[in-house]
Amino acid sequence: MDNENQLPEDENAVWEDLLDELFALNYDQVQEILEVERKIYVELQQSPNNLSGLITLMYCQVMLGNREKAKTLGTRIWEIGGNLEAFFEFVYVENLLSLGMLDMALVLLKPRFENLRENLDLFYPSLTKFAVMTGNLTLLKRISEYPDLPEEEDILFELADVYGEAQYASVFKSIMKLILENVSEHQCSYEYELFDDRGFPEMMIVVYVNNDEAFRSRLQTIVEDKISALWTSMGYEQMNNIGVSIAAIQEHEGWNIAE
């Protein structure tokens, strides 16, 4: 992405500090998030097209569940263009994935796919999340072959192996596509949780939206029913190891990576 409005890398410190403040918060800490938002706007007055600042503001809007504002910022950042420090590119990609803006995310992630060894340290969460969202078992298999991956993610690769060995790759891909088709208009964030409590790998797709409880319940039922119908239409007995939860954006625990 060259841009004359982008500040030198060492001048990103203010944005890194503001991101750290956001990373330390859960999404239900609305007043604290709004206070960081105020600081972001003050800083952006000096440089309205600063990419790192706009990415920081975009993440802030994601946390607040302001989906349309966040999407508008995502498109504005894209149109400004320019070079991004790797960490801010990672945050931008995560924002795009949260909002289901997969076409943009793919453009930025494609060079990372092509050189996994050099990019897994920073982009691992984005690469695996993109692979899950798109149902790409081949990419998950490639990632799993690298050493020093997070141990807690072993369940994800075991689940991918289960679907691959059962020759259910098309089912896995169709499930993930079906989920996105039904939640994409409302999605504020997308995560997955892994379990093996019952002696086999399981995954819960958690889609966070900014809608009331009744809406969330209806949407979850719709998605669950369509997944069951998908298994039936493909002539397979349903494997009950992929679930879906539609949660309020305020339930998101945040990144919680600040020291």
C-alpha atoms as a PDB file:
ATOM      1  CA  MET A   1       0.000   0.000   0.000  1.00  0.00           C
ATOM      2  CA  ASP A   2       3.228   4.550  -1.076  1.00  0.00           C
ATOM      3  CA  ASN A   3       1.540   7.359   0.621  1.00  0.00           C
ATOM      4  CA  GLU A   4       2.933  10.784   1.334  1.00  0.00           C
ATOM      5  CA  ASN A   5       0.595  11.134   4.296  1.00  0.00           C
ATOM      6  CA  GLN A   6       2.055   8.139   6.126  1.00  0.00           C
ATOM      7  CA  LEU A   7       4.370   9.151   8.977  1.00  0.00           C
ATOM      8  CA  PRO A   8       7.811   7.575   9.386  1.00  0.00           C
ATOM      9  CA  GLU A   9       7.835   4.327  11.316  1.00  0.00           C
ATOM     10  CA  ASP A  10       9.332   5.867  14.482  1.00  0.00           C
ATOM     11  CA  GLU A  11       6.435   8.329  14.584  1.00  0.00           C
ATOM     12  CA  ASN A  12       3.967   5.460  14.947  1.00  0.00           C
ATOM     13  CA  ALA A  13       4.666   5.370  18.684  1.00  0.00           C
ATOM     14  CA  VAL A  14       1.577   7.405  19.566  1.00  0.00           C
ATOM     15  CA  TRP A  15      -0.623   4.974  17.638  1.00  0.00           C
ATOM     16  CA  GLU A  16       1.089   1.972  19.183  1.00  0.00           C
ATOM     17  CA  ASP A  17       0.395   3.442  22.620  1.00  0.00           C
ATOM     18  CA  LEU A  18      -3.262   4.033  21.797  1.00  0.00           C
ATOM     19  CA  LEU A  19      -3.604   0.519  20.396  1.00  0.00           C
ATOM     20  CA  ASP A  20      -2.059  -0.838  23.590  1.00  0.00           C
ATOM     21  CA  GLU A  21      -4.732   1.000  25.548  1.00  0.00           C
ATOM     22  CA  LEU A  22      -7.422  -0.614  23.393  1.00  0.00           C
ATOM     23  CA  PHE A  23      -5.807  -4.049  23.552  1.00  0.00           C
ATOM     24  CA  ALA A  24      -5.971  -3.937  27.358  1.00  0.00           C
ATOM     25  CA  LEU A  25      -9.757  -3.453  27.299  1.00  0.00           C
ATOM     26  CA  ASN A  26     -12.672  -5.816  26.957  1.00  0.00           C
ATOM     27  CA  TYR A  27     -15.308  -4.735  24.460  1.00  0.00           C
ATOM     28  CA  ASP A  28     -17.843  -4.087  27.219  1.00  0.00           C
ATOM     29  CA  GLN A  29     -15.680  -1.308  28.683  1.00  0.00           C
ATOM     30  CA  VAL A  30     -17.470   1.202  26.512  1.00  0.00           C
ATOM     31  CA  GLN A  31     -16.630   4.379  28.439  1.00  0.00           C
ATOM     32  CA  GLU A  32     -12.932   3.526  28.443  1.00  0.00           C
ATOM     33  CA  ILE A  33     -13.042   2.765  24.709  1.00  0.00           C
ATOM     34  CA  LEU A  34     -14.799   6.077  24.038  1.00  0.00           C
ATOM     35  CA  GLU A  35     -12.072   7.896  25.967  1.00  0.00           C
ATOM     36  CA  VAL A  36      -9.414   6.298  23.733  1.00  0.00           C
ATOM     37  CA  GLU A  37     -11.529   7.197  20.705  1.00  0.00           C
ATOM     38  CA  ARG A  38     -11.455  10.841  21.817  1.00  0.00           C
ATOM     39  CA  LYS A  39      -7.636  10.713  21.998  1.00  0.00           C
ATOM     40  CA  ILE A  40      -7.481   9.166  18.530  1.00  0.00           C
ATOM     41  CA  TYR A  41      -9.562  11.968  17.019  1.00  0.00           C
ATOM     42  CA  VAL A  42      -7.352  14.590  18.685  1.00  0.00           C
ATOM     43  CA  GLU A  43      -4.229  13.025  17.162  1.00  0.00           C
ATOM     44  CA  LEU A  44      -5.843  12.618  13.741  1.00  0.00           C
ATOM     45  CA  GLN A  45      -6.570  16.337  13.582  1.00  0.00           C
ATOM     46  CA  GLN A  46      -2.859  16.833  12.931  1.00  0.00           C
ATOM     47  CA  SER A  47      -2.690  14.190  10.208  1.00  0.00           C
ATOM     48  CA  PRO A  48      -6.154  13.134   8.983  1.00  0.00           C
ATOM     49  CA  ASN A  49      -4.861  10.614   6.431  1.00  0.00           C
ATOM     50  CA  ASN A  50      -2.318   8.898   8.641  1.00  0.00           C
ATOM     51  CA  LEU A  51      -2.799   5.206   7.928  1.00  0.00           C
ATOM     52  CA  SER A  52      -1.701   3.965  11.332  1.00  0.00           C
ATOM     53  CA  GLY A  53      -4.088   6.398  12.988  1.00  0.00           C
ATOM     54  CA  LEU A  54      -6.988   5.398  10.759  1.00  0.00           C
ATOM     55  CA  ILE A  55      -6.301   1.718  11.432  1.00  0.00           C
ATOM     56  CA  THR A  56      -6.313   2.459  15.177  1.00  0.00           C
ATOM     57  CA  LEU A  57      -9.636   4.295  14.803  1.00  0.00           C
ATOM     58  CA  MET A  58     -11.007   1.415  12.717  1.00  0.00           C
ATOM     59  CA  TYR A  59     -10.217  -1.077  15.464  1.00  0.00           C
ATOM     60  CA  CYS A  60     -11.838   1.249  17.997  1.00  0.00           C
ATOM     61  CA  GLN A  61     -15.048   1.242  15.902  1.00  0.00           C
ATOM     62  CA  VAL A  62     -14.931  -2.552  15.689  1.00  0.00           C
ATOM     63  CA  MET A  63     -14.782  -2.697  19.491  1.00  0.00           C
ATOM     64  CA  LEU A  64     -17.769  -0.366  19.765  1.00  0.00           C
ATOM     65  CA  GLY A  65     -19.757  -2.443  17.280  1.00  0.00           C
ATOM     66  CA  ASN A  66     -19.950   0.465  14.838  1.00  0.00           C
ATOM     67  CA  ARG A  67     -19.833  -1.838  11.837  1.00  0.00           C
ATOM     68  CA  GLU A  68     -20.630   0.690   9.099  1.00  0.00           C
ATOM     69  CA  LYS A  69     -18.167   3.278  10.446  1.00  0.00           C
ATOM     70  CA  ALA A  70     -15.467   0.611  10.648  1.00  0.00           C
ATOM     71  CA  LYS A  71     -16.184  -0.574   7.089  1.00  0.00           C
ATOM     72  CA  THR A  72     -16.069   2.999   5.785  1.00  0.00           C
ATOM     73  CA  LEU A  73     -12.688   3.476   7.454  1.00  0.00           C
ATOM     74  CA  GLY A  74     -11.472   0.196   5.992  1.00  0.00           C
ATOM     75  CA  THR A  75     -12.358   1.370   2.500  1.00  0.00           C
ATOM     76  CA  ARG A  76     -10.841   4.818   3.092  1.00  0.00           C
ATOM     77  CA  ILE A  77      -7.546   3.281   4.235  1.00  0.00           C
ATOM     78  CA  TRP A  78      -7.540   1.087   1.153  1.00  0.00           C
ATOM     79  CA  GLU A  79      -8.152   4.034  -1.171  1.00  0.00           C
ATOM     80  CA  ILE A  80      -5.424   6.182   0.417  1.00  0.00           C
ATOM     81  CA  GLY A  81      -2.909   3.376  -0.001  1.00  0.00           C
ATOM     82  CA  GLY A  82       0.717   3.461   1.028  1.00  0.00           C
ATOM     83  CA  ASN A  83       3.277   1.409   2.879  1.00  0.00           C
ATOM     84  CA  LEU A  84       2.335   0.036   6.264  1.00  0.00           C
ATOM     85  CA  GLU A  85       4.556  -1.061   9.087  1.00  0.00           C
ATOM     86  CA  ALA A  86       4.025  -4.836   9.395  1.00  0.00           C
ATOM     87  CA  PHE A  87       2.294  -4.629  12.776  1.00  0.00           C
ATOM     88  CA  PHE A  88      -0.257  -2.060  11.561  1.00  0.00           C
ATOM     89  CA  GLU A  89      -0.865  -4.145   8.445  1.00  0.00           C
ATOM     90  CA  PHE A  90      -1.596  -7.072  10.763  1.00  0.00           C
ATOM     91  CA  VAL A  91      -4.105  -4.993  12.752  1.00  0.00           C
ATOM     92  CA  TYR A  92      -5.695  -3.786   9.513  1.00  0.00           C
ATOM     93  CA  VAL A  93      -6.049  -7.341   8.230  1.00  0.00           C
ATOM     94  CA  GLU A  94      -7.590  -8.414  11.538  1.00  0.00           C
ATOM     95  CA  ASN A  95     -10.079  -5.540  11.247  1.00  0.00           C
ATOM     96  CA  LEU A  96     -10.976  -6.599   7.709  1.00  0.00           C
ATOM     97  CA  LEU A  97     -11.508 -10.193   8.806  1.00  0.00           C
ATOM     98  CA  SER A  98     -13.643  -9.054  11.738  1.00  0.00           C
ATOM     99  CA  LEU A  99     -15.945  -7.244   9.311  1.00  0.00           C
ATOM    100  CA  GLY A 100     -15.959 -10.014   6.710  1.00  0.00           C
ATOM    101  CA  MET A 101     -14.127  -7.878   4.138  1.00  0.00           C
ATOM    102  CA  LEU A 102     -12.365 -10.965   2.800  1.00  0.00           C
ATOM    103  CA  ASP A 103     -11.482  -9.705  -0.682  1.00  0.00           C
ATOM    104  CA  MET A 104      -9.305  -6.920   0.747  1.00  0.00           C
ATOM    105  CA  ALA A 105      -7.848  -9.223   3.380  1.00  0.00           C
ATOM    106  CA  LEU A 106      -6.897 -11.757   0.718  1.00  0.00           C
ATOM    107  CA  VAL A 107      -4.941  -9.185  -1.295  1.00  0.00           C
ATOM    108  CA  LEU A 108      -2.844  -8.365   1.766  1.00  0.00           C
ATOM    109  CA  LEU A 109      -2.500 -11.960   2.963  1.00  0.00           C
ATOM    110  CA  LYS A 110      -1.641 -13.563  -0.373  1.00  0.00           C
ATOM    111  CA  PRO A 111       2.068 -12.578  -0.212  1.00  0.00           C
ATOM    112  CA  ARG A 112       2.099 -13.926   3.364  1.00  0.00           C
ATOM    113  CA  PHE A 113       0.667 -17.256   2.182  1.00  0.00           C
ATOM    114  CA  GLU A 114       3.415 -17.497  -0.384  1.00  0.00           C
ATOM    115  CA  ASN A 115       6.146 -17.114   2.240  1.00  0.00           C
ATOM    116  CA  LEU A 116       4.710 -18.688   5.367  1.00  0.00           C
ATOM    117  CA  ARG A 117       8.049 -19.248   7.076  1.00  0.00           C
ATOM    118  CA  GLU A 118       8.779 -15.513   7.329  1.00  0.00           C
ATOM    119  CA  ASN A 119       5.237 -14.460   8.171  1.00  0.00           C
ATOM    120  CA  LEU A 120       3.819 -16.935  10.665  1.00  0.00           C
ATOM    121  CA  ASP A 121       5.302 -15.227  13.719  1.00  0.00           C
ATOM    122  CA  LEU A 122       3.231 -12.069  13.239  1.00  0.00           C
ATOM    123  CA  PHE A 123       0.453 -13.088  10.862  1.00  0.00           C
ATOM    124  CA  TYR A 124      -0.365 -16.528  12.274  1.00  0.00           C
ATOM    125  CA  PRO A 125      -3.742 -15.428  13.782  1.00  0.00           C
ATOM    126  CA  SER A 126      -4.818 -13.785  10.521  1.00  0.00           C
ATOM    127  CA  LEU A 127      -3.689 -16.652   8.312  1.00  0.00           C
ATOM    128  CA  THR A 128      -5.448 -19.312  10.376  1.00  0.00           C
ATOM    129  CA  LYS A 129      -8.592 -17.210  10.785  1.00  0.00           C
ATOM    130  CA  PHE A 130      -8.745 -16.569   7.036  1.00  0.00           C
ATOM    131  CA  ALA A 131      -8.278 -20.304   6.400  1.00  0.00           C
ATOM    132  CA  VAL A 132     -11.110 -21.137   8.802  1.00  0.00           C
ATOM    133  CA  MET A 133     -13.453 -18.443   7.456  1.00  0.00           C
ATOM    134  CA  THR A 134     -12.972 -19.652   3.892  1.00  0.00           C
ATOM    135  CA  GLY A 135     -12.910 -23.352   4.784  1.00  0.00           C
ATOM    136  CA  ASN A 136      -9.456 -23.774   3.290  1.00  0.00           C
ATOM    137  CA  LEU A 137      -8.172 -27.127   4.616  1.00  0.00           C
ATOM    138  CA  THR A 138      -5.190 -27.005   2.253  1.00  0.00           C
ATOM    139  CA  LEU A 139      -3.929 -23.788   3.833  1.00  0.00           C
ATOM    140  CA  LEU A 140      -4.512 -25.168   7.335  1.00  0.00           C
ATOM    141  CA  LYS A 141      -2.487 -28.239   6.400  1.00  0.00           C
ATOM    142  CA  ARG A 142       0.379 -26.060   5.133  1.00  0.00           C
ATOM    143  CA  ILE A 143       0.381 -23.992   8.313  1.00  0.00           C
ATOM    144  CA  SER A 144       0.303 -27.086  10.538  1.00  0.00           C
ATOM    145  CA  GLU A 145       3.576 -28.325   9.054  1.00  0.00           C
ATOM    146  CA  TYR A 146       5.601 -25.493  10.570  1.00  0.00           C
ATOM    147  CA  PRO A 147       7.303 -25.886  13.961  1.00  0.00           C
ATOM    148  CA  ASP A 148       6.722 -23.696  17.025  1.00  0.00           C
ATOM    149  CA  LEU A 149       3.027 -23.103  16.435  1.00  0.00           C
ATOM    150  CA  PRO A 150       0.802 -22.366  19.453  1.00  0.00           C
ATOM    151  CA  GLU A 151       0.196 -25.668  21.242  1.00  0.00           C
ATOM    152  CA  GLU A 152      -3.425 -24.816  21.959  1.00  0.00           C
ATOM    153  CA  GLU A 153      -4.054 -24.715  18.214  1.00  0.00           C
ATOM    154  CA  ASP A 154      -3.258 -28.422  17.820  1.00  0.00           C
ATOM    155  CA  ILE A 155      -6.994 -29.074  18.099  1.00  0.00           C
ATOM    156  CA  LEU A 156      -7.638 -26.947  15.016  1.00  0.00           C
ATOM    157  CA  PHE A 157      -5.219 -28.987  12.918  1.00  0.00           C
ATOM    158  CA  GLU A 158      -6.635 -32.240  14.315  1.00  0.00           C
ATOM    159  CA  LEU A 159     -10.111 -31.082  13.281  1.00  0.00           C
ATOM    160  CA  ALA A 160      -8.821 -30.231   9.807  1.00  0.00           C
ATOM    161  CA  ASP A 161      -7.279 -33.723   9.582  1.00  0.00           C
ATOM    162  CA  VAL A 162     -10.600 -35.308  10.595  1.00  0.00           C
ATOM    163  CA  TYR A 163     -12.408 -33.578   7.732  1.00  0.00           C
ATOM    164  CA  GLY A 164      -9.583 -34.222   5.292  1.00  0.00           C
ATOM    165  CA  GLU A 165      -9.259 -37.927   6.090  1.00  0.00           C
ATOM    166  CA  ALA A 166     -13.032 -38.398   5.914  1.00  0.00           C
ATOM    167  CA  GLN A 167     -12.955 -36.701   2.505  1.00  0.00           C
ATOM    168  CA  TYR A 168     -15.308 -34.051   3.827  1.00  0.00           C
ATOM    169  CA  ALA A 169     -13.237 -31.088   2.634  1.00  0.00           C
ATOM    170  CA  SER A 170     -16.161 -29.865   0.528  1.00  0.00           C
ATOM    171  CA  VAL A 171     -18.476 -30.078   3.548  1.00  0.00           C
ATOM    172  CA  PHE A 172     -16.067 -28.074   5.712  1.00  0.00           C
ATOM    173  CA  LYS A 173     -15.780 -25.401   3.037  1.00  0.00           C
ATOM    174  CA  SER A 174     -19.547 -25.293   2.515  1.00  0.00           C
ATOM    175  CA  ILE A 175     -20.237 -24.929   6.253  1.00  0.00           C
ATOM    176  CA  MET A 176     -17.898 -21.958   6.533  1.00  0.00           C
ATOM    177  CA  LYS A 177     -19.327 -20.370   3.394  1.00  0.00           C
ATOM    178  CA  LEU A 178     -22.871 -20.860   4.704  1.00  0.00           C
ATOM    179  CA  ILE A 179     -22.003 -19.187   8.019  1.00  0.00           C
ATOM    180  CA  LEU A 180     -20.549 -16.123   6.295  1.00  0.00           C
ATOM    181  CA  GLU A 181     -23.430 -15.854   3.846  1.00  0.00           C
ATOM    182  CA  ASN A 182     -25.869 -15.592   6.739  1.00  0.00           C
ATOM    183  CA  VAL A 183     -23.933 -13.381   9.163  1.00  0.00           C
ATOM    184  CA  SER A 184     -21.875 -11.119   6.911  1.00  0.00           C
ATOM    185  CA  GLU A 185     -24.359  -8.221   6.946  1.00  0.00           C
ATOM    186  CA  HIS A 186     -24.217  -8.056  10.743  1.00  0.00           C
ATOM    187  CA  GLN A 187     -20.720  -9.290  11.621  1.00  0.00           C
ATOM    188  CA  CYS A 188     -18.600  -7.030  13.842  1.00  0.00           C
ATOM    189  CA  SER A 189     -16.020  -9.633  14.831  1.00  0.00           C
ATOM    190  CA  TYR A 190     -15.280 -13.300  14.106  1.00  0.00           C
ATOM    191  CA  GLU A 191     -13.401 -15.728  16.317  1.00  0.00           C
ATOM    192  CA  TYR A 192     -13.177 -19.464  16.851  1.00  0.00           C
ATOM    193  CA  GLU A 193     -12.810 -21.485  20.040  1.00  0.00           C
ATOM    194  CA  LEU A 194     -11.380 -25.000  20.267  1.00  0.00           C
ATOM    195  CA  PHE A 195     -12.310 -27.908  22.539  1.00  0.00           C
ATOM    196  CA  ASP A 196     -11.484 -31.583  23.005  1.00  0.00           C
ATOM    197  CA  ASP A 197     -13.472 -32.240  26.197  1.00  0.00           C
ATOM    198  CA  ARG A 198     -15.422 -35.088  24.581  1.00  0.00           C
ATOM    199  CA  GLY A 199     -12.315 -36.873  23.325  1.00  0.00           C
ATOM    200  CA  PHE A 200     -12.356 -35.460  19.788  1.00  0.00           C
ATOM    201  CA  PRO A 201     -11.569 -32.040  18.287  1.00  0.00           C
ATOM    202  CA  GLU A 202     -14.374 -29.498  18.210  1.00  0.00           C
ATOM    203  CA  MET A 203     -14.637 -25.889  17.116  1.00  0.00           C
ATOM    204  CA  MET A 204     -17.113 -23.158  17.972  1.00  0.00           C
ATOM    205  CA  ILE A 205     -17.368 -20.306  15.488  1.00  0.00           C
ATOM    206  CA  VAL A 206     -18.246 -17.176  17.451  1.00  0.00           C
ATOM    207  CA  VAL A 207     -19.660 -14.310  15.431  1.00  0.00           C
ATOM    208  CA  TYR A 208     -20.101 -11.055  17.345  1.00  0.00           C
ATOM    209  CA  VAL A 209     -22.857  -8.688  16.259  1.00  0.00           C
ATOM    210  CA  ASN A 210     -24.345  -5.429  17.535  1.00  0.00           C
ATOM    211  CA  ASN A 211     -27.946  -6.651  17.722  1.00  0.00           C
ATOM    212  CA  ASP A 212     -30.348  -7.504  20.530  1.00  0.00           C
ATOM    213  CA  GLU A 213     -30.752 -10.927  22.112  1.00  0.00           C
ATOM    214  CA  ALA A 214     -33.880 -11.877  20.168  1.00  0.00           C
ATOM    215  CA  PHE A 215     -32.160 -11.148  16.862  1.00  0.00           C
ATOM    216  CA  ARG A 216     -29.055 -13.087  17.874  1.00  0.00           C
ATOM    217  CA  SER A 217     -31.127 -16.090  18.909  1.00  0.00           C
ATOM    218  CA  ARG A 218     -33.044 -16.104  15.606  1.00  0.00           C
ATOM    219  CA  LEU A 219     -29.878 -15.778  13.571  1.00  0.00           C
ATOM    220  CA  GLN A 220     -28.147 -18.583  15.449  1.00  0.00           C
ATOM    221  CA  THR A 221     -31.142 -20.890  14.910  1.00  0.00           C
ATOM    222  CA  ILE A 222     -31.211 -20.054  11.201  1.00  0.00           C
ATOM    223  CA  VAL A 223     -27.515 -20.852  10.787  1.00  0.00           C
ATOM    224  CA  GLU A 224     -27.709 -24.073  12.812  1.00  0.00           C
ATOM    225  CA  ASP A 225     -30.734 -25.290  10.843  1.00  0.00           C
ATOM    226  CA  LYS A 226     -29.024 -24.525   7.536  1.00  0.00           C
ATOM    227  CA  ILE A 227     -25.895 -26.404   8.582  1.00  0.00           C
ATOM    228  CA  SER A 228     -27.992 -29.462   9.443  1.00  0.00           C
ATOM    229  CA  ALA A 229     -29.804 -29.165   6.105  1.00  0.00           C
ATOM    230  CA  LEU A 230     -26.449 -28.887   4.339  1.00  0.00           C
ATOM    231  CA  TRP A 231     -25.255 -32.199   5.757  1.00  0.00           C
ATOM    232  CA  THR A 232     -28.520 -33.843   4.678  1.00  0.00           C
ATOM    233  CA  SER A 233     -28.372 -32.376   1.179  1.00  0.00           C
ATOM    234  CA  MET A 234     -24.847 -33.703   0.724  1.00  0.00           C
ATOM    235  CA  GLY A 235     -25.910 -37.159   1.828  1.00  0.00           C
ATOM    236  CA  TYR A 236     -23.740 -37.368   4.946  1.00  0.00           C
ATOM    237  CA  GLU A 237     -24.508 -38.022   8.578  1.00  0.00           C
ATOM    238  CA  GLN A 238     -23.819 -34.810  10.480  1.00  0.00           C
ATOM    239  CA  MET A 239     -20.553 -34.577  12.409  1.00  0.00           C
ATOM    240  CA  ASN A 240     -21.439 -32.469  15.438  1.00  0.00           C
ATOM    241  CA  ASN A 241     -17.990 -30.981  15.942  1.00  0.00           C
ATOM    242  CA  ILE A 242     -18.503 -27.511  14.475  1.00  0.00           C
ATOM    243  CA  GLY A 243     -20.871 -25.199  16.292  1.00  0.00           C
ATOM    244  CA  VAL A 244     -21.930 -21.584  15.845  1.00  0.00           C
ATOM    245  CA  SER A 245     -22.557 -18.955  18.498  1.00  0.00           C
ATOM    246  CA  ILE A 246     -23.974 -15.520  17.699  1.00  0.00           C
ATOM    247  CA  ALA A 247     -22.857 -13.261  20.542  1.00  0.00           C
ATOM    248  CA  ALA A 248     -23.149  -9.590  21.452  1.00  0.00           C
ATOM    249  CA  ILE A 249     -20.077  -7.563  20.539  1.00  0.00           C
ATOM    250  CA  GLN A 250     -19.820  -6.473  24.185  1.00  0.00           C
ATOM    251  CA  GLU A 251     -19.137 -10.114  25.129  1.00  0.00           C
ATOM    252  CA  HIS A 252     -15.836 -10.088  23.232  1.00  0.00           C
ATOM    253  CA  GLU A 253     -12.966 -10.295  25.702  1.00  0.00           C
ATOM    254  CA  GLY A 254     -10.629  -8.255  23.509  1.00  0.00           C
ATOM    255  CA  TRP A 255      -7.033  -8.958  22.601  1.00  0.00           C
ATOM    256  CA  ASN A 256      -5.739  -8.481  26.139  1.00  0.00           C
ATOM    257  CA  ILE A 257      -2.114  -8.439  25.007  1.00  0.00           C
ATOM    258  CA  ALA A 258      -0.918  -5.290  26.746  1.00  0.00           C
ATOM    259  CA  GLU A 259       1.706  -5.885  29.423  1.00  0.00           C
END
